[in-house]
Amino acid sequence: MPYIEFSCLPTIVGSMPHTDPSEACSQVIHYLKEIPAWPQLPKRSFLENMYVQFSQGFPGATIEDERIYIDRSQNMDKPLEQLYAAYLENDIDKYPISSDYAAGLHSFLALTTLAPLAVKGQITGPISWGLTVTDDNRRAILYDDTLADALAKLLRLKAAWQEKALSQISRNTIIFVDEPYMVSFGSAYVSLSRERVINLLEEVFGGISGLKGVHCCGNTDWSVLLGTSADILSFDAYNYAQSFSLYPAEIKKFLDRKGTIAWGIVPNNEEALAKESVAGLKDRLDEAMAPFTRSGIPFKQLLRQGLLTPSCGLAPLATKEAAAQALELLAELSAKIRKRYL
């Protein structure tokens, strides 16, 4: 995969507040011409909830009453065997993501007029999926070694299938692995070693041959995610710039190996959004970058090896007008920075 210097181009984390996939896609491509991403539409259907969207084909996965769980009373040997066989043969077409589960993805793939620099997709990460989805005894499946291993392999196949589909739009593909639950890493509630987190993530990354990113929208031990082979690290720079700034040495090492930081600088809640302007967001971004420039990382390097995004998905916004406002701020901020510095 060629290294791409993104120079603060804008893209999104993934989710949008729309229920109409073609409307969501047209909003994305209007504002994000260089790096469009397919929209996840959790308000359209429970099947598009980030924990359900990539569950198709997982042994024992059961969806009822807006809940997903793993039903252990089913015989899981055969489906597990099939999953491992597909994994060993790298048969990614066995585990596609269907349009019922990702209408935005299929609408996006049908667009014929795109000629972007790169195209972005996303998948839920094994840590977050494995801690959210439980078995029928309400025990998180991440604590079952067999199921956790099978999950990472399924997500790897889904990531590879998605990447192959997106490569029809651009040969430069980016797949983000979304790990909101990494905010709980190291807490009393989650007993997971650093090695386990890295191994599970690397299993999923193994299916991605283009650029691979990891996104966490809260505060976490960033050294763990920086210790993976991820090419892009995506974080909520609007709310958590301070805790991120505690890792200057690790960030420098990451940038020196041609890593990219996605600065989530546009807020994804209406109240904050209503108060923001391009100038205000630029000041905030400068402030988020300042600790790193003080640690000896050149400002221009941070910009050249940067992407700009909303702080997290836009689905929490109540309206598509609010989503348009967030995307407009994002696109204008990117244009202003690129014109002024790059």
C-alpha atoms as a PDB file:
ATOM      1  CA  MET A   1       0.000   0.000   0.000  1.00  0.00           C
ATOM      2  CA  PRO A   2       1.548   3.360  -0.943  1.00  0.00           C
ATOM      3  CA  TYR A   3       1.979   5.843   1.894  1.00  0.00           C
ATOM      4  CA  ILE A   4      -0.405   8.783   1.495  1.00  0.00           C
ATOM      5  CA  GLU A   5       0.311  12.209   2.932  1.00  0.00           C
ATOM      6  CA  PHE A   6      -3.226  13.319   3.754  1.00  0.00           C
ATOM      7  CA  SER A   7      -2.379  16.911   4.716  1.00  0.00           C
ATOM      8  CA  CYS A   8      -5.485  17.383   6.881  1.00  0.00           C
ATOM      9  CA  LEU A   9      -8.044  16.233   4.314  1.00  0.00           C
ATOM     10  CA  PRO A  10     -11.468  15.558   5.857  1.00  0.00           C
ATOM     11  CA  THR A  11     -13.296  12.240   6.263  1.00  0.00           C
ATOM     12  CA  ILE A  12     -15.814  10.760   8.722  1.00  0.00           C
ATOM     13  CA  VAL A  13     -15.809   8.095  11.407  1.00  0.00           C
ATOM     14  CA  GLY A  14     -18.832   6.381   9.839  1.00  0.00           C
ATOM     15  CA  SER A  15     -22.317   6.728  11.263  1.00  0.00           C
ATOM     16  CA  MET A  16     -24.869   9.272  10.032  1.00  0.00           C
ATOM     17  CA  PRO A  17     -28.317  10.240  11.424  1.00  0.00           C
ATOM     18  CA  HIS A  18     -30.129   9.512   8.141  1.00  0.00           C
ATOM     19  CA  THR A  19     -32.545   6.671   7.434  1.00  0.00           C
ATOM     20  CA  ASP A  20     -32.359   7.038   3.634  1.00  0.00           C
ATOM     21  CA  PRO A  21     -29.068   5.564   2.369  1.00  0.00           C
ATOM     22  CA  SER A  22     -28.924   7.519  -0.897  1.00  0.00           C
ATOM     23  CA  GLU A  23     -29.505  10.795   0.952  1.00  0.00           C
ATOM     24  CA  ALA A  24     -26.697   9.946   3.391  1.00  0.00           C
ATOM     25  CA  CYS A  25     -24.360   9.042   0.516  1.00  0.00           C
ATOM     26  CA  SER A  26     -25.052  12.254  -1.373  1.00  0.00           C
ATOM     27  CA  GLN A  27     -24.291  14.301   1.752  1.00  0.00           C
ATOM     28  CA  VAL A  28     -21.015  12.415   2.240  1.00  0.00           C
ATOM     29  CA  ILE A  29     -19.830  12.862  -1.335  1.00  0.00           C
ATOM     30  CA  HIS A  30     -20.868  16.511  -1.417  1.00  0.00           C
ATOM     31  CA  TYR A  31     -18.536  17.407   1.461  1.00  0.00           C
ATOM     32  CA  LEU A  32     -15.873  14.687   1.308  1.00  0.00           C
ATOM     33  CA  LYS A  33     -14.809  14.512  -2.318  1.00  0.00           C
ATOM     34  CA  GLU A  34     -11.251  13.325  -1.633  1.00  0.00           C
ATOM     35  CA  ILE A  35     -11.908  10.676   1.037  1.00  0.00           C
ATOM     36  CA  PRO A  36     -15.583   9.681   1.102  1.00  0.00           C
ATOM     37  CA  ALA A  37     -16.689   6.938   3.504  1.00  0.00           C
ATOM     38  CA  TRP A  38     -19.769   4.753   3.379  1.00  0.00           C
ATOM     39  CA  PRO A  39     -22.412   5.786   5.928  1.00  0.00           C
ATOM     40  CA  GLN A  40     -23.581   3.485   8.733  1.00  0.00           C
ATOM     41  CA  LEU A  41     -27.267   4.157   9.462  1.00  0.00           C
ATOM     42  CA  PRO A  42     -28.175   2.869  12.941  1.00  0.00           C
ATOM     43  CA  LYS A  43     -31.430   4.870  12.958  1.00  0.00           C
ATOM     44  CA  ARG A  44     -32.589   3.038   9.837  1.00  0.00           C
ATOM     45  CA  SER A  45     -32.617  -0.415  11.412  1.00  0.00           C
ATOM     46  CA  PHE A  46     -31.336  -2.298  14.450  1.00  0.00           C
ATOM     47  CA  LEU A  47     -29.357  -4.432  11.975  1.00  0.00           C
ATOM     48  CA  GLU A  48     -27.170  -1.360  11.379  1.00  0.00           C
ATOM     49  CA  ASN A  49     -26.267  -0.999  15.061  1.00  0.00           C
ATOM     50  CA  MET A  50     -22.469  -1.240  15.107  1.00  0.00           C
ATOM     51  CA  TYR A  51     -22.574  -4.456  17.142  1.00  0.00           C
ATOM     52  CA  VAL A  52     -25.111  -6.136  14.879  1.00  0.00           C
ATOM     53  CA  GLN A  53     -23.898  -4.885  11.518  1.00  0.00           C
ATOM     54  CA  PHE A  54     -20.948  -7.279  11.272  1.00  0.00           C
ATOM     55  CA  SER A  55     -22.505 -10.225  13.129  1.00  0.00           C
ATOM     56  CA  GLN A  56     -23.933 -12.006  10.070  1.00  0.00           C
ATOM     57  CA  GLY A  57     -22.567 -15.523   9.950  1.00  0.00           C
ATOM     58  CA  PHE A  58     -21.192 -15.582  13.503  1.00  0.00           C
ATOM     59  CA  PRO A  59     -21.902 -18.966  15.151  1.00  0.00           C
ATOM     60  CA  GLY A  60     -24.959 -18.764  17.413  1.00  0.00           C
ATOM     61  CA  ALA A  61     -25.634 -15.065  16.741  1.00  0.00           C
ATOM     62  CA  THR A  62     -29.281 -14.398  17.563  1.00  0.00           C
ATOM     63  CA  ILE A  63     -31.168 -11.134  17.142  1.00  0.00           C
ATOM     64  CA  GLU A  64     -34.465 -10.613  18.946  1.00  0.00           C
ATOM     65  CA  ASP A  65     -36.272  -7.657  20.541  1.00  0.00           C
ATOM     66  CA  GLU A  66     -33.518  -5.193  19.607  1.00  0.00           C
ATOM     67  CA  ARG A  67     -30.926  -7.371  21.320  1.00  0.00           C
ATOM     68  CA  ILE A  68     -28.100  -9.471  19.936  1.00  0.00           C
ATOM     69  CA  TYR A  69     -26.658 -12.409  21.861  1.00  0.00           C
ATOM     70  CA  ILE A  70     -24.906 -15.706  21.235  1.00  0.00           C
ATOM     71  CA  ASP A  71     -27.233 -18.654  21.763  1.00  0.00           C
ATOM     72  CA  ARG A  72     -25.106 -21.475  23.141  1.00  0.00           C
ATOM     73  CA  SER A  73     -27.960 -23.965  23.032  1.00  0.00           C
ATOM     74  CA  GLN A  74     -27.405 -24.170  19.269  1.00  0.00           C
ATOM     75  CA  ASN A  75     -24.846 -26.658  18.020  1.00  0.00           C
ATOM     76  CA  MET A  76     -21.934 -24.364  17.224  1.00  0.00           C
ATOM     77  CA  ASP A  77     -19.375 -26.934  16.067  1.00  0.00           C
ATOM     78  CA  LYS A  78     -20.408 -26.931  12.428  1.00  0.00           C
ATOM     79  CA  PRO A  79     -20.609 -23.118  11.990  1.00  0.00           C
ATOM     80  CA  LEU A  80     -17.285 -22.720  13.820  1.00  0.00           C
ATOM     81  CA  GLU A  81     -15.750 -25.321  11.523  1.00  0.00           C
ATOM     82  CA  GLN A  82     -17.061 -23.452   8.458  1.00  0.00           C
ATOM     83  CA  LEU A  83     -15.700 -20.155   9.759  1.00  0.00           C
ATOM     84  CA  TYR A  84     -12.235 -21.613  10.375  1.00  0.00           C
ATOM     85  CA  ALA A  85     -12.231 -23.255   6.938  1.00  0.00           C
ATOM     86  CA  ALA A  86     -13.090 -19.937   5.258  1.00  0.00           C
ATOM     87  CA  TYR A  87     -10.400 -18.223   7.334  1.00  0.00           C
ATOM     88  CA  LEU A  88      -7.725 -20.776   6.420  1.00  0.00           C
ATOM     89  CA  GLU A  89      -8.613 -20.554   2.730  1.00  0.00           C
ATOM     90  CA  ASN A  90      -9.040 -16.766   2.955  1.00  0.00           C
ATOM     91  CA  ASP A  91     -12.450 -17.263   1.333  1.00  0.00           C
ATOM     92  CA  ILE A  92     -13.778 -13.772   2.046  1.00  0.00           C
ATOM     93  CA  ASP A  93     -16.864 -14.151  -0.138  1.00  0.00           C
ATOM     94  CA  LYS A  94     -18.332 -16.608   2.397  1.00  0.00           C
ATOM     95  CA  TYR A  95     -18.902 -13.775   4.894  1.00  0.00           C
ATOM     96  CA  PRO A  96     -20.153 -10.691   3.020  1.00  0.00           C
ATOM     97  CA  ILE A  97     -21.972  -7.730   4.563  1.00  0.00           C
ATOM     98  CA  SER A  98     -25.456  -7.745   3.057  1.00  0.00           C
ATOM     99  CA  SER A  99     -27.585  -4.704   2.221  1.00  0.00           C
ATOM    100  CA  ASP A 100     -30.048  -5.474   5.062  1.00  0.00           C
ATOM    101  CA  TYR A 101     -27.174  -4.905   7.484  1.00  0.00           C
ATOM    102  CA  ALA A 102     -25.450  -2.047   5.634  1.00  0.00           C
ATOM    103  CA  ALA A 103     -27.742  -0.201   3.232  1.00  0.00           C
ATOM    104  CA  GLY A 104     -25.334   2.750   3.201  1.00  0.00           C
ATOM    105  CA  LEU A 105     -22.452   0.548   2.066  1.00  0.00           C
ATOM    106  CA  HIS A 106     -24.410  -0.926  -0.838  1.00  0.00           C
ATOM    107  CA  SER A 107     -25.757   2.501  -1.892  1.00  0.00           C
ATOM    108  CA  PHE A 108     -22.217   3.833  -1.757  1.00  0.00           C
ATOM    109  CA  LEU A 109     -20.836   0.956  -3.857  1.00  0.00           C
ATOM    110  CA  ALA A 110     -23.468   1.695  -6.515  1.00  0.00           C
ATOM    111  CA  LEU A 111     -22.185   5.259  -7.042  1.00  0.00           C
ATOM    112  CA  THR A 112     -20.466   5.505 -10.407  1.00  0.00           C
ATOM    113  CA  THR A 113     -19.203   9.077 -10.523  1.00  0.00           C
ATOM    114  CA  LEU A 114     -16.591   8.970  -7.757  1.00  0.00           C
ATOM    115  CA  ALA A 115     -12.891   9.508  -8.401  1.00  0.00           C
ATOM    116  CA  PRO A 116     -11.494  10.135  -4.915  1.00  0.00           C
ATOM    117  CA  LEU A 117      -7.920  10.084  -3.649  1.00  0.00           C
ATOM    118  CA  ALA A 118      -8.910   7.281  -1.256  1.00  0.00           C
ATOM    119  CA  VAL A 119     -12.054   5.611   0.040  1.00  0.00           C
ATOM    120  CA  LYS A 120     -12.823   4.723   3.666  1.00  0.00           C
ATOM    121  CA  GLY A 121     -14.747   1.937   5.312  1.00  0.00           C
ATOM    122  CA  GLN A 122     -15.072   0.806   8.926  1.00  0.00           C
ATOM    123  CA  ILE A 123     -15.715  -2.246  11.023  1.00  0.00           C
ATOM    124  CA  THR A 124     -16.417  -2.757  14.724  1.00  0.00           C
ATOM    125  CA  GLY A 125     -13.333  -3.959  16.572  1.00  0.00           C
ATOM    126  CA  PRO A 126     -13.020  -7.296  18.392  1.00  0.00           C
ATOM    127  CA  ILE A 127     -12.587  -5.759  21.851  1.00  0.00           C
ATOM    128  CA  SER A 128     -15.739  -3.632  21.693  1.00  0.00           C
ATOM    129  CA  TRP A 129     -17.792  -6.331  19.951  1.00  0.00           C
ATOM    130  CA  GLY A 130     -16.585  -9.025  22.314  1.00  0.00           C
ATOM    131  CA  LEU A 131     -17.335  -6.970  25.441  1.00  0.00           C
ATOM    132  CA  THR A 132     -20.772  -5.806  24.246  1.00  0.00           C
ATOM    133  CA  VAL A 133     -22.176  -9.018  22.811  1.00  0.00           C
ATOM    134  CA  THR A 134     -22.898 -11.643  25.464  1.00  0.00           C
ATOM    135  CA  ASP A 135     -24.009 -15.263  25.497  1.00  0.00           C
ATOM    136  CA  ASP A 136     -27.388 -16.393  26.840  1.00  0.00           C
ATOM    137  CA  ASN A 137     -25.975 -16.169  30.395  1.00  0.00           C
ATOM    138  CA  ARG A 138     -25.095 -12.519  29.738  1.00  0.00           C
ATOM    139  CA  ARG A 139     -21.393 -13.234  29.868  1.00  0.00           C
ATOM    140  CA  ALA A 140     -19.308 -11.173  27.412  1.00  0.00           C
ATOM    141  CA  ILE A 141     -18.007 -13.463  24.696  1.00  0.00           C
ATOM    142  CA  LEU A 142     -14.565 -11.890  24.853  1.00  0.00           C
ATOM    143  CA  TYR A 143     -13.968 -13.973  27.987  1.00  0.00           C
ATOM    144  CA  ASP A 144     -14.518 -17.203  26.054  1.00  0.00           C
ATOM    145  CA  ASP A 145     -11.257 -17.924  24.237  1.00  0.00           C
ATOM    146  CA  THR A 146     -12.865 -19.980  21.461  1.00  0.00           C
ATOM    147  CA  LEU A 147     -15.534 -17.397  20.666  1.00  0.00           C
ATOM    148  CA  ALA A 148     -13.162 -14.431  20.973  1.00  0.00           C
ATOM    149  CA  ASP A 149     -10.762 -16.096  18.541  1.00  0.00           C
ATOM    150  CA  ALA A 150     -13.608 -16.924  16.136  1.00  0.00           C
ATOM    151  CA  LEU A 151     -14.858 -13.349  16.367  1.00  0.00           C
ATOM    152  CA  ALA A 152     -11.482 -11.846  15.415  1.00  0.00           C
ATOM    153  CA  LYS A 153     -11.332 -14.216  12.437  1.00  0.00           C
ATOM    154  CA  LEU A 154     -14.864 -13.324  11.304  1.00  0.00           C
ATOM    155  CA  LEU A 155     -14.121  -9.589  11.559  1.00  0.00           C
ATOM    156  CA  ARG A 156     -10.901 -10.144   9.607  1.00  0.00           C
ATOM    157  CA  LEU A 157     -12.878 -11.806   6.776  1.00  0.00           C
ATOM    158  CA  LYS A 158     -15.518  -9.033   6.848  1.00  0.00           C
ATOM    159  CA  ALA A 159     -12.825  -6.333   6.727  1.00  0.00           C
ATOM    160  CA  ALA A 160     -11.188  -8.062   3.755  1.00  0.00           C
ATOM    161  CA  TRP A 161     -14.543  -8.454   1.954  1.00  0.00           C
ATOM    162  CA  GLN A 162     -15.327  -4.784   2.535  1.00  0.00           C
ATOM    163  CA  GLU A 163     -11.901  -3.661   1.363  1.00  0.00           C
ATOM    164  CA  LYS A 164     -12.228  -5.675  -1.844  1.00  0.00           C
ATOM    165  CA  ALA A 165     -15.660  -4.104  -2.502  1.00  0.00           C
ATOM    166  CA  LEU A 166     -14.389  -0.568  -1.837  1.00  0.00           C
ATOM    167  CA  SER A 167     -11.344  -1.055  -4.052  1.00  0.00           C
ATOM    168  CA  GLN A 168     -13.708  -0.815  -7.039  1.00  0.00           C
ATOM    169  CA  ILE A 169     -14.058   2.891  -6.161  1.00  0.00           C
ATOM    170  CA  SER A 170     -10.398   3.634  -5.410  1.00  0.00           C
ATOM    171  CA  ARG A 171      -7.285   1.518  -5.249  1.00  0.00           C
ATOM    172  CA  ASN A 172      -6.374   3.471  -2.111  1.00  0.00           C
ATOM    173  CA  THR A 173      -8.523   1.970   0.632  1.00  0.00           C
ATOM    174  CA  ILE A 174      -8.695   2.790   4.325  1.00  0.00           C
ATOM    175  CA  ILE A 175     -10.462   0.539   6.834  1.00  0.00           C
ATOM    176  CA  PHE A 176     -10.928   1.785  10.399  1.00  0.00           C
ATOM    177  CA  VAL A 177     -11.403  -0.685  13.229  1.00  0.00           C
ATOM    178  CA  ASP A 178     -13.684   1.066  15.730  1.00  0.00           C
ATOM    179  CA  GLU A 179     -12.901   0.388  19.393  1.00  0.00           C
ATOM    180  CA  PRO A 180     -15.011   2.606  21.673  1.00  0.00           C
ATOM    181  CA  TYR A 181     -14.646   0.053  24.490  1.00  0.00           C
ATOM    182  CA  MET A 182     -10.925   0.723  24.725  1.00  0.00           C
ATOM    183  CA  VAL A 183     -11.967   3.486  27.134  1.00  0.00           C
ATOM    184  CA  SER A 184     -12.560   0.689  29.669  1.00  0.00           C
ATOM    185  CA  PHE A 185      -9.131  -0.880  29.154  1.00  0.00           C
ATOM    186  CA  GLY A 186      -7.245  -0.960  32.432  1.00  0.00           C
ATOM    187  CA  SER A 187     -10.372  -0.370  34.524  1.00  0.00           C
ATOM    188  CA  ALA A 188     -11.620  -2.703  37.252  1.00  0.00           C
ATOM    189  CA  TYR A 189     -14.476  -3.779  34.954  1.00  0.00           C
ATOM    190  CA  VAL A 190     -12.346  -5.191  32.154  1.00  0.00           C
ATOM    191  CA  SER A 191      -9.670  -7.767  32.801  1.00  0.00           C
ATOM    192  CA  LEU A 192      -7.708  -7.853  29.560  1.00  0.00           C
ATOM    193  CA  SER A 193      -3.987  -7.831  29.072  1.00  0.00           C
ATOM    194  CA  ARG A 194      -2.239  -5.478  26.695  1.00  0.00           C
ATOM    195  CA  GLU A 195      -0.984  -8.493  24.678  1.00  0.00           C
ATOM    196  CA  ARG A 196      -4.503  -9.862  24.291  1.00  0.00           C
ATOM    197  CA  VAL A 197      -5.811  -6.536  22.972  1.00  0.00           C
ATOM    198  CA  ILE A 198      -2.934  -6.207  20.508  1.00  0.00           C
ATOM    199  CA  ASN A 199      -3.220  -9.832  19.327  1.00  0.00           C
ATOM    200  CA  LEU A 200      -6.968  -9.570  18.676  1.00  0.00           C
ATOM    201  CA  LEU A 201      -6.552  -6.286  16.820  1.00  0.00           C
ATOM    202  CA  GLU A 202      -3.654  -7.649  14.773  1.00  0.00           C
ATOM    203  CA  GLU A 203      -5.776 -10.630  13.748  1.00  0.00           C
ATOM    204  CA  VAL A 204      -8.341  -8.229  12.238  1.00  0.00           C
ATOM    205  CA  PHE A 205      -5.644  -5.979  10.748  1.00  0.00           C
ATOM    206  CA  GLY A 206      -4.251  -9.084   9.041  1.00  0.00           C
ATOM    207  CA  GLY A 207      -7.226  -9.025   6.670  1.00  0.00           C
ATOM    208  CA  ILE A 208      -6.561  -5.441   5.581  1.00  0.00           C
ATOM    209  CA  SER A 209      -4.000  -4.967   2.843  1.00  0.00           C
ATOM    210  CA  GLY A 210      -4.567  -1.216   2.365  1.00  0.00           C
ATOM    211  CA  LEU A 211      -4.312   1.417   5.077  1.00  0.00           C
ATOM    212  CA  LYS A 212      -5.667   0.335   8.446  1.00  0.00           C
ATOM    213  CA  GLY A 213      -6.833   2.659  11.168  1.00  0.00           C
ATOM    214  CA  VAL A 214      -8.044   2.287  14.727  1.00  0.00           C
ATOM    215  CA  HIS A 215     -10.580   4.660  16.284  1.00  0.00           C
ATOM    216  CA  CYS A 216     -11.346   5.220  19.962  1.00  0.00           C
ATOM    217  CA  CYS A 217     -13.655   8.087  20.885  1.00  0.00           C
ATOM    218  CA  GLY A 218     -12.767   8.393  24.558  1.00  0.00           C
ATOM    219  CA  ASN A 219      -9.757   8.359  26.814  1.00  0.00           C
ATOM    220  CA  THR A 220      -7.589   5.234  26.753  1.00  0.00           C
ATOM    221  CA  ASP A 221      -4.028   4.025  27.181  1.00  0.00           C
ATOM    222  CA  TRP A 222      -2.913   5.270  23.756  1.00  0.00           C
ATOM    223  CA  SER A 223       0.384   3.402  24.006  1.00  0.00           C
ATOM    224  CA  VAL A 224      -1.550   0.136  23.482  1.00  0.00           C
ATOM    225  CA  LEU A 225      -3.125   1.248  20.191  1.00  0.00           C
ATOM    226  CA  LEU A 226       0.128   2.910  19.124  1.00  0.00           C
ATOM    227  CA  GLY A 227       1.807  -0.442  19.787  1.00  0.00           C
ATOM    228  CA  THR A 228      -0.181  -2.118  16.977  1.00  0.00           C
ATOM    229  CA  SER A 229       0.591  -2.044  13.263  1.00  0.00           C
ATOM    230  CA  ALA A 230      -2.183   0.531  12.614  1.00  0.00           C
ATOM    231  CA  ASP A 231      -1.320   3.168   9.998  1.00  0.00           C
ATOM    232  CA  ILE A 232      -3.883   5.685  11.284  1.00  0.00           C
ATOM    233  CA  LEU A 233      -4.862   6.536  14.855  1.00  0.00           C
ATOM    234  CA  SER A 234      -8.234   8.289  15.176  1.00  0.00           C
ATOM    235  CA  PHE A 235      -9.306  10.036  18.375  1.00  0.00           C
ATOM    236  CA  ASP A 236     -11.739  12.618  19.751  1.00  0.00           C
ATOM    237  CA  ALA A 237      -9.527  15.712  19.692  1.00  0.00           C
ATOM    238  CA  TYR A 238     -12.471  17.941  20.621  1.00  0.00           C
ATOM    239  CA  ASN A 239     -12.870  16.424  24.107  1.00  0.00           C
ATOM    240  CA  TYR A 240      -9.728  14.404  24.837  1.00  0.00           C
ATOM    241  CA  ALA A 241      -6.768  16.318  23.408  1.00  0.00           C
ATOM    242  CA  GLN A 242      -5.314  16.718  26.863  1.00  0.00           C
ATOM    243  CA  SER A 243      -5.077  13.021  27.714  1.00  0.00           C
ATOM    244  CA  PHE A 244      -3.758  12.298  24.212  1.00  0.00           C
ATOM    245  CA  SER A 245      -0.954  14.814  24.769  1.00  0.00           C
ATOM    246  CA  LEU A 246       0.492  12.626  27.553  1.00  0.00           C
ATOM    247  CA  TYR A 247       2.082  10.319  24.937  1.00  0.00           C
ATOM    248  CA  PRO A 248       4.531  12.549  23.024  1.00  0.00           C
ATOM    249  CA  ALA A 249       7.294   9.929  22.686  1.00  0.00           C
ATOM    250  CA  GLU A 250       4.927   7.234  21.387  1.00  0.00           C
ATOM    251  CA  ILE A 251       3.267   9.703  18.990  1.00  0.00           C
ATOM    252  CA  LYS A 252       6.646  10.810  17.651  1.00  0.00           C
ATOM    253  CA  LYS A 253       7.648   7.201  17.022  1.00  0.00           C
ATOM    254  CA  PHE A 254       4.311   6.572  15.305  1.00  0.00           C
ATOM    255  CA  LEU A 255       4.719   9.607  13.031  1.00  0.00           C
ATOM    256  CA  ASP A 256       8.322   8.669  12.270  1.00  0.00           C
ATOM    257  CA  ARG A 257       7.101   5.326  10.926  1.00  0.00           C
ATOM    258  CA  LYS A 258       4.780   7.271   8.587  1.00  0.00           C
ATOM    259  CA  GLY A 259       1.693   7.003  10.808  1.00  0.00           C
ATOM    260  CA  THR A 260      -1.264   9.375  10.388  1.00  0.00           C
ATOM    261  CA  ILE A 261      -3.292  10.969  13.179  1.00  0.00           C
ATOM    262  CA  ALA A 262      -7.000  11.587  12.528  1.00  0.00           C
ATOM    263  CA  TRP A 263      -7.924  14.588  14.667  1.00  0.00           C
ATOM    264  CA  GLY A 264     -11.617  14.356  15.604  1.00  0.00           C
ATOM    265  CA  ILE A 265     -12.035  18.072  15.991  1.00  0.00           C
ATOM    266  CA  VAL A 266     -15.682  18.730  15.012  1.00  0.00           C
ATOM    267  CA  PRO A 267     -18.123  17.940  17.865  1.00  0.00           C
ATOM    268  CA  ASN A 268     -20.924  15.436  17.280  1.00  0.00           C
ATOM    269  CA  ASN A 269     -23.504  16.907  19.640  1.00  0.00           C
ATOM    270  CA  GLU A 270     -25.881  19.663  18.657  1.00  0.00           C
ATOM    271  CA  GLU A 271     -25.265  21.969  21.571  1.00  0.00           C
ATOM    272  CA  ALA A 272     -21.510  22.186  21.004  1.00  0.00           C
ATOM    273  CA  LEU A 273     -21.957  22.277  17.241  1.00  0.00           C
ATOM    274  CA  ALA A 274     -24.277  25.289  17.391  1.00  0.00           C
ATOM    275  CA  LYS A 275     -21.573  27.299  19.181  1.00  0.00           C
ATOM    276  CA  GLU A 276     -18.683  26.394  16.860  1.00  0.00           C
ATOM    277  CA  SER A 277     -17.097  28.245  13.958  1.00  0.00           C
ATOM    278  CA  VAL A 278     -14.228  27.398  11.614  1.00  0.00           C
ATOM    279  CA  ALA A 279     -11.987  29.919  13.404  1.00  0.00           C
ATOM    280  CA  GLY A 280     -12.878  28.497  16.821  1.00  0.00           C
ATOM    281  CA  LEU A 281     -12.190  24.935  15.696  1.00  0.00           C
ATOM    282  CA  LYS A 282      -8.872  25.972  14.177  1.00  0.00           C
ATOM    283  CA  ASP A 283      -7.816  27.494  17.517  1.00  0.00           C
ATOM    284  CA  ARG A 284      -8.865  24.332  19.269  1.00  0.00           C
ATOM    285  CA  LEU A 285      -6.888  22.170  16.853  1.00  0.00           C
ATOM    286  CA  ASP A 286      -3.803  24.391  17.279  1.00  0.00           C
ATOM    287  CA  GLU A 287      -4.157  23.933  21.035  1.00  0.00           C
ATOM    288  CA  ALA A 288      -4.437  20.146  20.650  1.00  0.00           C
ATOM    289  CA  MET A 289      -1.250  20.075  18.550  1.00  0.00           C
ATOM    290  CA  ALA A 290       0.771  22.510  20.678  1.00  0.00           C
ATOM    291  CA  PRO A 291       2.048  19.977  23.285  1.00  0.00           C
ATOM    292  CA  PHE A 292       3.530  17.896  20.464  1.00  0.00           C
ATOM    293  CA  THR A 293       5.267  20.826  18.787  1.00  0.00           C
ATOM    294  CA  ARG A 294       6.710  21.705  22.203  1.00  0.00           C
ATOM    295  CA  SER A 295       8.026  18.125  22.390  1.00  0.00           C
ATOM    296  CA  GLY A 296       9.908  18.644  19.146  1.00  0.00           C
ATOM    297  CA  ILE A 297       7.461  17.311  16.552  1.00  0.00           C
ATOM    298  CA  PRO A 298       7.332  19.849  13.693  1.00  0.00           C
ATOM    299  CA  PHE A 299       3.920  21.532  13.263  1.00  0.00           C
ATOM    300  CA  LYS A 300       4.071  20.905   9.501  1.00  0.00           C
ATOM    301  CA  GLN A 301       4.656  17.185  10.097  1.00  0.00           C
ATOM    302  CA  LEU A 302       1.530  17.016  12.286  1.00  0.00           C
ATOM    303  CA  LEU A 303      -0.464  18.699   9.505  1.00  0.00           C
ATOM    304  CA  ARG A 304       0.967  16.666   6.644  1.00  0.00           C
ATOM    305  CA  GLN A 305       0.457  13.395   8.527  1.00  0.00           C
ATOM    306  CA  GLY A 306      -3.014  14.392   9.675  1.00  0.00           C
ATOM    307  CA  LEU A 307      -6.635  13.767   8.758  1.00  0.00           C
ATOM    308  CA  LEU A 308      -9.568  15.798  10.095  1.00  0.00           C
ATOM    309  CA  THR A 309     -12.793  14.109  11.225  1.00  0.00           C
ATOM    310  CA  PRO A 310     -15.768  14.661  13.513  1.00  0.00           C
ATOM    311  CA  SER A 311     -15.079  13.634  17.128  1.00  0.00           C
ATOM    312  CA  CYS A 312     -16.984  10.375  16.563  1.00  0.00           C
ATOM    313  CA  GLY A 313     -19.901   9.119  14.453  1.00  0.00           C
ATOM    314  CA  LEU A 314     -22.596  11.637  13.493  1.00  0.00           C
ATOM    315  CA  ALA A 315     -25.571   9.350  14.216  1.00  0.00           C
ATOM    316  CA  PRO A 316     -26.132  10.958  17.677  1.00  0.00           C
ATOM    317  CA  LEU A 317     -27.162  14.185  15.919  1.00  0.00           C
ATOM    318  CA  ALA A 318     -30.936  14.575  15.758  1.00  0.00           C
ATOM    319  CA  THR A 319     -31.175  15.791  12.177  1.00  0.00           C
ATOM    320  CA  LYS A 320     -29.525  15.487   8.803  1.00  0.00           C
ATOM    321  CA  GLU A 321     -29.256  19.303   8.792  1.00  0.00           C
ATOM    322  CA  ALA A 322     -27.018  19.092  11.881  1.00  0.00           C
ATOM    323  CA  ALA A 323     -24.911  16.441  10.111  1.00  0.00           C
ATOM    324  CA  ALA A 324     -24.583  18.774   7.106  1.00  0.00           C
ATOM    325  CA  GLN A 325     -23.477  21.561   9.441  1.00  0.00           C
ATOM    326  CA  ALA A 326     -20.798  19.318  10.996  1.00  0.00           C
ATOM    327  CA  LEU A 327     -19.539  18.255   7.567  1.00  0.00           C
ATOM    328  CA  GLU A 328     -19.497  21.820   6.313  1.00  0.00           C
ATOM    329  CA  LEU A 329     -17.413  22.979   9.284  1.00  0.00           C
ATOM    330  CA  LEU A 330     -15.101  20.013   8.725  1.00  0.00           C
ATOM    331  CA  ALA A 331     -14.626  20.696   5.000  1.00  0.00           C
ATOM    332  CA  GLU A 332     -14.114  24.435   5.521  1.00  0.00           C
ATOM    333  CA  LEU A 333     -11.611  23.896   8.341  1.00  0.00           C
ATOM    334  CA  SER A 334      -9.637  21.490   6.153  1.00  0.00           C
ATOM    335  CA  ALA A 335      -9.621  23.943   3.230  1.00  0.00           C
ATOM    336  CA  LYS A 336      -8.497  26.805   5.487  1.00  0.00           C
ATOM    337  CA  ILE A 337      -5.586  24.824   6.984  1.00  0.00           C
ATOM    338  CA  ARG A 338      -4.455  23.462   3.621  1.00  0.00           C
ATOM    339  CA  LYS A 339      -4.564  26.909   2.020  1.00  0.00           C
ATOM    340  CA  ARG A 340      -2.736  28.595   4.858  1.00  0.00           C
ATOM    341  CA  TYR A 341       0.011  26.089   5.687  1.00  0.00           C
ATOM    342  CA  LEU A 342       0.235  23.460   2.979  1.00  0.00           C
END
